[in-house]
């Protein structure tokens, strides 16, 4: 689940306009960035959630492989 990225479009437009860009172009650029570039940006919370899921998955794989190894060795001896 992706969280919404905080992007201050007004400050962005003001800064571009102060640098000499036409306000209409700055507004169009801010809108384009908001709609197209920042929609699928992962946040720190997203990465923490992914880290937890991967840790749990690797732990389960280690536990399963250990159990299988013990079972196989138990049948051999």
PDB file of N, CA and C in Angstrom:
ATOM      1  N   UNK A   1       0.852  -1.178   0.000  1.00  0.00           N
ATOM      2  CA  UNK A   1       0.000   0.000   0.000  1.00  0.00           C
ATOM      3  C   UNK A   1       0.895   1.237   0.000  1.00  0.00           C
ATOM      4  N   UNK A   2       0.762   2.063  -0.976  1.00  0.00           N
ATOM      5  CA  UNK A   2       1.574   3.261  -1.085  1.00  0.00           C
ATOM      6  C   UNK A   2       0.905   4.421  -0.356  1.00  0.00           C
ATOM      7  N   UNK A   3       1.686   5.126   0.400  1.00  0.00           N
ATOM      8  CA  UNK A   3       1.183   6.300   1.105  1.00  0.00           C
ATOM      9  C   UNK A   3       1.293   7.523   0.196  1.00  0.00           C
ATOM     10  N   UNK A   4       0.510   8.517   0.504  1.00  0.00           N
ATOM     11  CA  UNK A   4       0.525   9.743  -0.284  1.00  0.00           C
ATOM     12  C   UNK A   4       1.754  10.565   0.068  1.00  0.00           C
ATOM     13  N   UNK A   5       2.480  11.001  -0.924  1.00  0.00           N
ATOM     14  CA  UNK A   5       3.673  11.817  -0.717  1.00  0.00           C
ATOM     15  C   UNK A   5       3.267  13.276  -0.541  1.00  0.00           C
ATOM     16  N   UNK A   6       3.871  13.937   0.420  1.00  0.00           N
ATOM     17  CA  UNK A   6       3.587  15.347   0.648  1.00  0.00           C
ATOM     18  C   UNK A   6       4.430  16.189  -0.305  1.00  0.00           C
ATOM     19  N   UNK A   7       3.767  16.983  -1.132  1.00  0.00           N
ATOM     20  CA  UNK A   7       4.447  17.821  -2.107  1.00  0.00           C
ATOM     21  C   UNK A   7       3.751  19.172  -2.119  1.00  0.00           C
ATOM     22  N   UNK A   8       4.458  20.198  -1.712  1.00  0.00           N
ATOM     23  CA  UNK A   8       3.892  21.547  -1.626  1.00  0.00           C
ATOM     24  C   UNK A   8       3.939  22.185  -3.019  1.00  0.00           C
ATOM     25  N   UNK A   9       2.851  22.062  -3.760  1.00  0.00           N
ATOM     26  CA  UNK A   9       2.815  22.573  -5.131  1.00  0.00           C
ATOM     27  C   UNK A   9       2.886  24.096  -5.170  1.00  0.00           C
ATOM     28  N   UNK A  10       2.277  24.748  -4.192  1.00  0.00           N
ATOM     29  CA  UNK A  10       2.294  26.215  -4.174  1.00  0.00           C
ATOM     30  C   UNK A  10       3.725  26.733  -4.009  1.00  0.00           C
ATOM     31  N   UNK A  11       4.463  26.177  -3.059  1.00  0.00           N
ATOM     32  CA  UNK A  11       5.847  26.597  -2.858  1.00  0.00           C
ATOM     33  C   UNK A  11       6.688  26.286  -4.093  1.00  0.00           C
ATOM     34  N   UNK A  12       6.416  25.154  -4.727  1.00  0.00           N
ATOM     35  CA  UNK A  12       7.128  24.761  -5.946  1.00  0.00           C
ATOM     36  C   UNK A  12       6.888  25.779  -7.061  1.00  0.00           C
ATOM     37  N   UNK A  13       5.628  26.134  -7.259  1.00  0.00           N
ATOM     38  CA  UNK A  13       5.269  27.100  -8.305  1.00  0.00           C
ATOM     39  C   UNK A  13       5.877  28.466  -7.996  1.00  0.00           C
ATOM     40  N   UNK A  14       5.800  28.898  -6.740  1.00  0.00           N
ATOM     41  CA  UNK A  14       6.365  30.197  -6.361  1.00  0.00           C
ATOM     42  C   UNK A  14       7.871  30.241  -6.605  1.00  0.00           C
ATOM     43  N   UNK A  15       8.548  29.159  -6.283  1.00  0.00           N
ATOM     44  CA  UNK A  15      10.004  29.132  -6.475  1.00  0.00           C
ATOM     45  C   UNK A  15      10.369  29.182  -7.949  1.00  0.00           C
ATOM     46  N   UNK A  16       9.635  28.429  -8.773  1.00  0.00           N
ATOM     47  CA  UNK A  16       9.905  28.463 -10.211  1.00  0.00           C
ATOM     48  C   UNK A  16       9.593  29.838 -10.797  1.00  0.00           C
ATOM     49  N   UNK A  17       8.490  30.433 -10.350  1.00  0.00           N
ATOM     50  CA  UNK A  17       8.124  31.764 -10.840  1.00  0.00           C
ATOM     51  C   UNK A  17       9.169  32.793 -10.417  1.00  0.00           C
ATOM     52  N   UNK A  18       9.695  32.667  -9.196  1.00  0.00           N
ATOM     53  CA  UNK A  18      10.720  33.593  -8.724  1.00  0.00           C
ATOM     54  C   UNK A  18      12.015  33.442  -9.526  1.00  0.00           C
ATOM     55  N   UNK A  19      12.231  32.257 -10.075  1.00  0.00           N
ATOM     56  CA  UNK A  19      13.432  32.013 -10.881  1.00  0.00           C
ATOM     57  C   UNK A  19      13.237  32.446 -12.324  1.00  0.00           C
ATOM     58  N   UNK A  20      12.037  32.933 -12.652  1.00  0.00           N
ATOM     59  CA  UNK A  20      11.804  33.462 -13.985  1.00  0.00           C
ATOM     60  C   UNK A  20      10.905  32.620 -14.879  1.00  0.00           C
ATOM     61  N   UNK A  21      10.420  31.493 -14.393  1.00  0.00           N
ATOM     62  CA  UNK A  21       9.534  30.665 -15.214  1.00  0.00           C
ATOM     63  C   UNK A  21       8.130  31.271 -15.219  1.00  0.00           C
ATOM     64  N   UNK A  22       7.480  31.177 -16.340  1.00  0.00           N
ATOM     65  CA  UNK A  22       6.100  31.641 -16.457  1.00  0.00           C
ATOM     66  C   UNK A  22       5.228  30.855 -15.469  1.00  0.00           C
ATOM     67  N   UNK A  23       4.346  31.553 -14.755  1.00  0.00           N
ATOM     68  CA  UNK A  23       3.522  30.920 -13.718  1.00  0.00           C
ATOM     69  C   UNK A  23       2.662  29.796 -14.275  1.00  0.00           C
ATOM     70  N   UNK A  24       2.133  29.962 -15.491  1.00  0.00           N
ATOM     71  CA  UNK A  24       1.306  28.905 -16.093  1.00  0.00           C
ATOM     72  C   UNK A  24       2.128  27.638 -16.343  1.00  0.00           C
ATOM     73  N   UNK A  25       3.358  27.821 -16.787  1.00  0.00           N
ATOM     74  CA  UNK A  25       4.224  26.664 -17.022  1.00  0.00           C
ATOM     75  C   UNK A  25       4.604  25.993 -15.698  1.00  0.00           C
ATOM     76  N   UNK A  26       4.883  26.802 -14.698  1.00  0.00           N
ATOM     77  CA  UNK A  26       5.233  26.263 -13.380  1.00  0.00           C
ATOM     78  C   UNK A  26       4.067  25.470 -12.795  1.00  0.00           C
ATOM     79  N   UNK A  27       2.848  25.988 -12.961  1.00  0.00           N
ATOM     80  CA  UNK A  27       1.664  25.286 -12.463  1.00  0.00           C
ATOM     81  C   UNK A  27       1.463  23.967 -13.208  1.00  0.00           C
ATOM     82  N   UNK A  28       1.651  23.988 -14.521  1.00  0.00           N
ATOM     83  CA  UNK A  28       1.511  22.765 -15.318  1.00  0.00           C
ATOM     84  C   UNK A  28       2.557  21.736 -14.917  1.00  0.00           C
ATOM     85  N   UNK A  29       3.765  22.178 -14.660  1.00  0.00           N
ATOM     86  CA  UNK A  29       4.825  21.273 -14.234  1.00  0.00           C
ATOM     87  C   UNK A  29       4.508  20.674 -12.869  1.00  0.00           C
ATOM     88  N   UNK A  30       4.045  21.484 -11.939  1.00  0.00           N
ATOM     89  CA  UNK A  30       3.674  20.991 -10.609  1.00  0.00           C
ATOM     90  C   UNK A  30       2.566  19.954 -10.705  1.00  0.00           C
ATOM     91  N   UNK A  31       1.566  20.215 -11.529  1.00  0.00           N
ATOM     92  CA  UNK A  31       0.469  19.263 -11.695  1.00  0.00           C
ATOM     93  C   UNK A  31       0.967  17.962 -12.320  1.00  0.00           C
ATOM     94  N   UNK A  32       1.812  18.075 -13.344  1.00  0.00           N
ATOM     95  CA  UNK A  32       2.338  16.878 -14.003  1.00  0.00           C
ATOM     96  C   UNK A  32       3.162  16.033 -13.033  1.00  0.00           C
ATOM     97  N   UNK A  33       3.984  16.680 -12.219  1.00  0.00           N
ATOM     98  CA  UNK A  33       4.772  15.939 -11.233  1.00  0.00           C
ATOM     99  C   UNK A  33       3.872  15.231 -10.229  1.00  0.00           C
ATOM    100  N   UNK A  34       2.859  15.940  -9.757  1.00  0.00           N
ATOM    101  CA  UNK A  34       1.944  15.362  -8.775  1.00  0.00           C
ATOM    102  C   UNK A  34       1.206  14.157  -9.347  1.00  0.00           C
ATOM    103  N   UNK A  35       0.716  14.269 -10.562  1.00  0.00           N
ATOM    104  CA  UNK A  35      -0.103  13.214 -11.160  1.00  0.00           C
ATOM    105  C   UNK A  35       0.737  12.045 -11.666  1.00  0.00           C
ATOM    106  N   UNK A  36       1.875  12.344 -12.291  1.00  0.00           N
ATOM    107  CA  UNK A  36       2.602  11.286 -12.991  1.00  0.00           C
ATOM    108  C   UNK A  36       3.864  10.798 -12.295  1.00  0.00           C
ATOM    109  N   UNK A  37       4.550  11.654 -11.574  1.00  0.00           N
ATOM    110  CA  UNK A  37       5.839  11.253 -11.014  1.00  0.00           C
ATOM    111  C   UNK A  37       5.746  10.790  -9.566  1.00  0.00           C
ATOM    112  N   UNK A  38       4.857  11.374  -8.792  1.00  0.00           N
ATOM    113  CA  UNK A  38       4.835  11.088  -7.365  1.00  0.00           C
ATOM    114  C   UNK A  38       3.730  10.129  -6.939  1.00  0.00           C
ATOM    115  N   UNK A  39       3.096   9.454  -7.864  1.00  0.00           N
ATOM    116  CA  UNK A  39       1.984   8.578  -7.490  1.00  0.00           C
ATOM    117  C   UNK A  39       2.448   7.257  -6.907  1.00  0.00           C
ATOM    118  N   UNK A  40       3.590   6.732  -7.334  1.00  0.00           N
ATOM    119  CA  UNK A  40       4.045   5.421  -6.884  1.00  0.00           C
ATOM    120  C   UNK A  40       5.367   5.475  -6.131  1.00  0.00           C
ATOM    121  N   UNK A  41       5.560   6.532  -5.366  1.00  0.00           N
ATOM    122  CA  UNK A  41       6.785   6.675  -4.597  1.00  0.00           C
ATOM    123  C   UNK A  41       6.617   5.943  -3.273  1.00  0.00           C
ATOM    124  N   UNK A  42       7.577   5.089  -2.947  1.00  0.00           N
ATOM    125  CA  UNK A  42       7.530   4.357  -1.681  1.00  0.00           C
ATOM    126  C   UNK A  42       8.007   5.263  -0.552  1.00  0.00           C
ATOM    127  N   UNK A  43       7.320   5.202   0.560  1.00  0.00           N
ATOM    128  CA  UNK A  43       7.701   5.982   1.731  1.00  0.00           C
ATOM    129  C   UNK A  43       8.489   5.110   2.698  1.00  0.00           C
ATOM    130  N   UNK A  44       9.017   5.719   3.758  1.00  0.00           N
ATOM    131  CA  UNK A  44       9.732   4.952   4.769  1.00  0.00           C
ATOM    132  C   UNK A  44       8.823   3.905   5.401  1.00  0.00           C
ATOM    133  N   UNK A  45       7.567   4.251   5.613  1.00  0.00           N
ATOM    134  CA  UNK A  45       6.616   3.300   6.197  1.00  0.00           C
ATOM    135  C   UNK A  45       6.412   2.102   5.266  1.00  0.00           C
ATOM    136  N   UNK A  46       6.348   2.351   3.967  1.00  0.00           N
ATOM    137  CA  UNK A  46       6.220   1.263   2.999  1.00  0.00           C
ATOM    138  C   UNK A  46       7.422   0.335   3.076  1.00  0.00           C
ATOM    139  N   UNK A  47       8.616   0.919   3.165  1.00  0.00           N
ATOM    140  CA  UNK A  47       9.835   0.120   3.224  1.00  0.00           C
ATOM    141  C   UNK A  47       9.926  -0.673   4.522  1.00  0.00           C
ATOM    142  N   UNK A  48       9.502  -0.083   5.636  1.00  0.00           N
ATOM    143  CA  UNK A  48       9.493  -0.805   6.915  1.00  0.00           C
ATOM    144  C   UNK A  48       8.542  -1.998   6.857  1.00  0.00           C
ATOM    145  N   UNK A  49       7.368  -1.795   6.266  1.00  0.00           N
ATOM    146  CA  UNK A  49       6.396  -2.887   6.127  1.00  0.00           C
ATOM    147  C   UNK A  49       6.970  -4.003   5.252  1.00  0.00           C
ATOM    148  N   UNK A  50       7.608  -3.634   4.168  1.00  0.00           N
ATOM    149  CA  UNK A  50       8.223  -4.616   3.284  1.00  0.00           C
ATOM    150  C   UNK A  50       9.351  -5.362   3.994  1.00  0.00           C
ATOM    151  N   UNK A  51      10.148  -4.642   4.775  1.00  0.00           N
ATOM    152  CA  UNK A  51      11.230  -5.273   5.526  1.00  0.00           C
ATOM    153  C   UNK A  51      10.681  -6.311   6.499  1.00  0.00           C
ATOM    154  N   UNK A  52       9.606  -5.975   7.192  1.00  0.00           N
ATOM    155  CA  UNK A  52       8.991  -6.909   8.135  1.00  0.00           C
ATOM    156  C   UNK A  52       8.483  -8.149   7.412  1.00  0.00           C
ATOM    157  N   UNK A  53       7.789  -7.957   6.295  1.00  0.00           N
ATOM    158  CA  UNK A  53       7.258  -9.098   5.541  1.00  0.00           C
ATOM    159  C   UNK A  53       8.375 -10.000   5.039  1.00  0.00           C
ATOM    160  N   UNK A  54       9.457  -9.396   4.541  1.00  0.00           N
ATOM    161  CA  UNK A  54      10.572 -10.200   4.042  1.00  0.00           C
ATOM    162  C   UNK A  54      11.280 -10.942   5.173  1.00  0.00           C
ATOM    163  N   UNK A  55      11.433 -10.292   6.318  1.00  0.00           N
ATOM    164  CA  UNK A  55      12.047 -10.941   7.473  1.00  0.00           C
ATOM    165  C   UNK A  55      11.221 -12.141   7.916  1.00  0.00           C
ATOM    166  N   UNK A  56       9.919 -11.978   7.951  1.00  0.00           N
ATOM    167  CA  UNK A  56       9.046 -13.087   8.338  1.00  0.00           C
ATOM    168  C   UNK A  56       9.121 -14.224   7.322  1.00  0.00           C
ATOM    169  N   UNK A  57       9.170 -13.892   6.054  1.00  0.00           N
ATOM    170  CA  UNK A  57       9.230 -14.913   5.010  1.00  0.00           C
ATOM    171  C   UNK A  57      10.549 -15.689   5.078  1.00  0.00           C
ATOM    172  N   UNK A  58      11.665 -14.975   5.252  1.00  0.00           N
ATOM    173  CA  UNK A  58      12.966 -15.644   5.351  1.00  0.00           C
ATOM    174  C   UNK A  58      13.007 -16.508   6.612  1.00  0.00           C
ATOM    175  N   UNK A  59      12.471 -16.012   7.704  1.00  0.00           N
ATOM    176  CA  UNK A  59      12.413 -16.804   8.937  1.00  0.00           C
ATOM    177  C   UNK A  59      11.617 -18.079   8.749  1.00  0.00           C
ATOM    178  N   UNK A  60      10.494 -17.991   8.055  1.00  0.00           N
ATOM    179  CA  UNK A  60       9.676 -19.178   7.791  1.00  0.00           C
ATOM    180  C   UNK A  60      10.425 -20.167   6.904  1.00  0.00           C
ATOM    181  N   UNK A  61      11.159 -19.661   5.914  1.00  0.00           N
ATOM    182  CA  UNK A  61      11.925 -20.555   5.037  1.00  0.00           C
ATOM    183  C   UNK A  61      13.037 -21.248   5.820  1.00  0.00           C
ATOM    184  N   UNK A  62      13.699 -20.541   6.727  1.00  0.00           N
ATOM    185  CA  UNK A  62      14.759 -21.146   7.545  1.00  0.00           C
ATOM    186  C   UNK A  62      14.165 -22.207   8.467  1.00  0.00           C
ATOM    187  N   UNK A  63      13.041 -21.901   9.099  1.00  0.00           N
ATOM    188  CA  UNK A  63      12.400 -22.858   9.995  1.00  0.00           C
ATOM    189  C   UNK A  63      11.962 -24.105   9.227  1.00  0.00           C
ATOM    190  N   UNK A  64      11.419 -23.916   8.037  1.00  0.00           N
ATOM    191  CA  UNK A  64      10.970 -25.053   7.229  1.00  0.00           C
ATOM    192  C   UNK A  64      12.148 -25.917   6.792  1.00  0.00           C
ATOM    193  N   UNK A  65      13.208 -25.280   6.323  1.00  0.00           N
ATOM    194  CA  UNK A  65      14.357 -26.062   5.877  1.00  0.00           C
ATOM    195  C   UNK A  65      15.023 -26.781   7.050  1.00  0.00           C
ATOM    196  N   UNK A  66      15.037 -26.156   8.229  1.00  0.00           N
ATOM    197  CA  UNK A  66      15.579 -26.823   9.411  1.00  0.00           C
ATOM    198  C   UNK A  66      14.732 -28.030   9.783  1.00  0.00           C
ATOM    199  N   UNK A  67      13.426 -27.869   9.769  1.00  0.00           N
ATOM    200  CA  UNK A  67      12.531 -28.975  10.094  1.00  0.00           C
ATOM    201  C   UNK A  67      12.687 -30.119   9.093  1.00  0.00           C
ATOM    202  N   UNK A  68      12.801 -29.794   7.827  1.00  0.00           N
ATOM    203  CA  UNK A  68      12.998 -30.834   6.814  1.00  0.00           C
ATOM    204  C   UNK A  68      14.330 -31.544   7.000  1.00  0.00           C
ATOM    205  N   UNK A  69      15.369 -30.811   7.315  1.00  0.00           N
ATOM    206  CA  UNK A  69      16.680 -31.416   7.545  1.00  0.00           C
ATOM    207  C   UNK A  69      16.642 -32.361   8.735  1.00  0.00           C
ATOM    208  N   UNK A  70      16.017 -31.939   9.820  1.00  0.00           N
ATOM    209  CA  UNK A  70      15.887 -32.794  11.002  1.00  0.00           C
ATOM    210  C   UNK A  70      15.072 -34.038  10.672  1.00  0.00           C
ATOM    211  N   UNK A  71      13.990 -33.884   9.918  1.00  0.00           N
ATOM    212  CA  UNK A  71      13.163 -35.033   9.545  1.00  0.00           C
ATOM    213  C   UNK A  71      13.935 -36.022   8.678  1.00  0.00           C
ATOM    214  N   UNK A  72      14.685 -35.500   7.719  1.00  0.00           N
ATOM    215  CA  UNK A  72      15.465 -36.377   6.832  1.00  0.00           C
ATOM    216  C   UNK A  72      16.557 -37.090   7.626  1.00  0.00           C
ATOM    217  N   UNK A  73      17.262 -36.352   8.480  1.00  0.00           N
ATOM    218  CA  UNK A  73      18.299 -36.980   9.295  1.00  0.00           C
ATOM    219  C   UNK A  73      17.722 -37.986  10.282  1.00  0.00           C
ATOM    220  N   UNK A  74      16.500 -37.725  10.768  1.00  0.00           N
ATOM    221  CA  UNK A  74      15.839 -38.642  11.687  1.00  0.00           C
ATOM    222  C   UNK A  74      15.496 -39.967  11.028  1.00  0.00           C
ATOM    223  N   UNK A  75      15.198 -39.925   9.751  1.00  0.00           N
ATOM    224  CA  UNK A  75      14.885 -41.188   9.044  1.00  0.00           C
ATOM    225  C   UNK A  75      16.142 -41.962   8.687  1.00  0.00           C
ATOM    226  N   UNK A  76      17.268 -41.289   8.607  1.00  0.00           N
ATOM    227  CA  UNK A  76      18.515 -41.957   8.252  1.00  0.00           C
ATOM    228  C   UNK A  76      19.161 -42.649   9.432  1.00  0.00           C
ATOM    229  N   UNK A  77      18.930 -42.148  10.636  1.00  0.00           N
ATOM    230  CA  UNK A  77      19.602 -42.730  11.817  1.00  0.00           C
ATOM    231  C   UNK A  77      18.641 -43.440  12.704  1.00  0.00           C
TER     232      UNK A  77
END
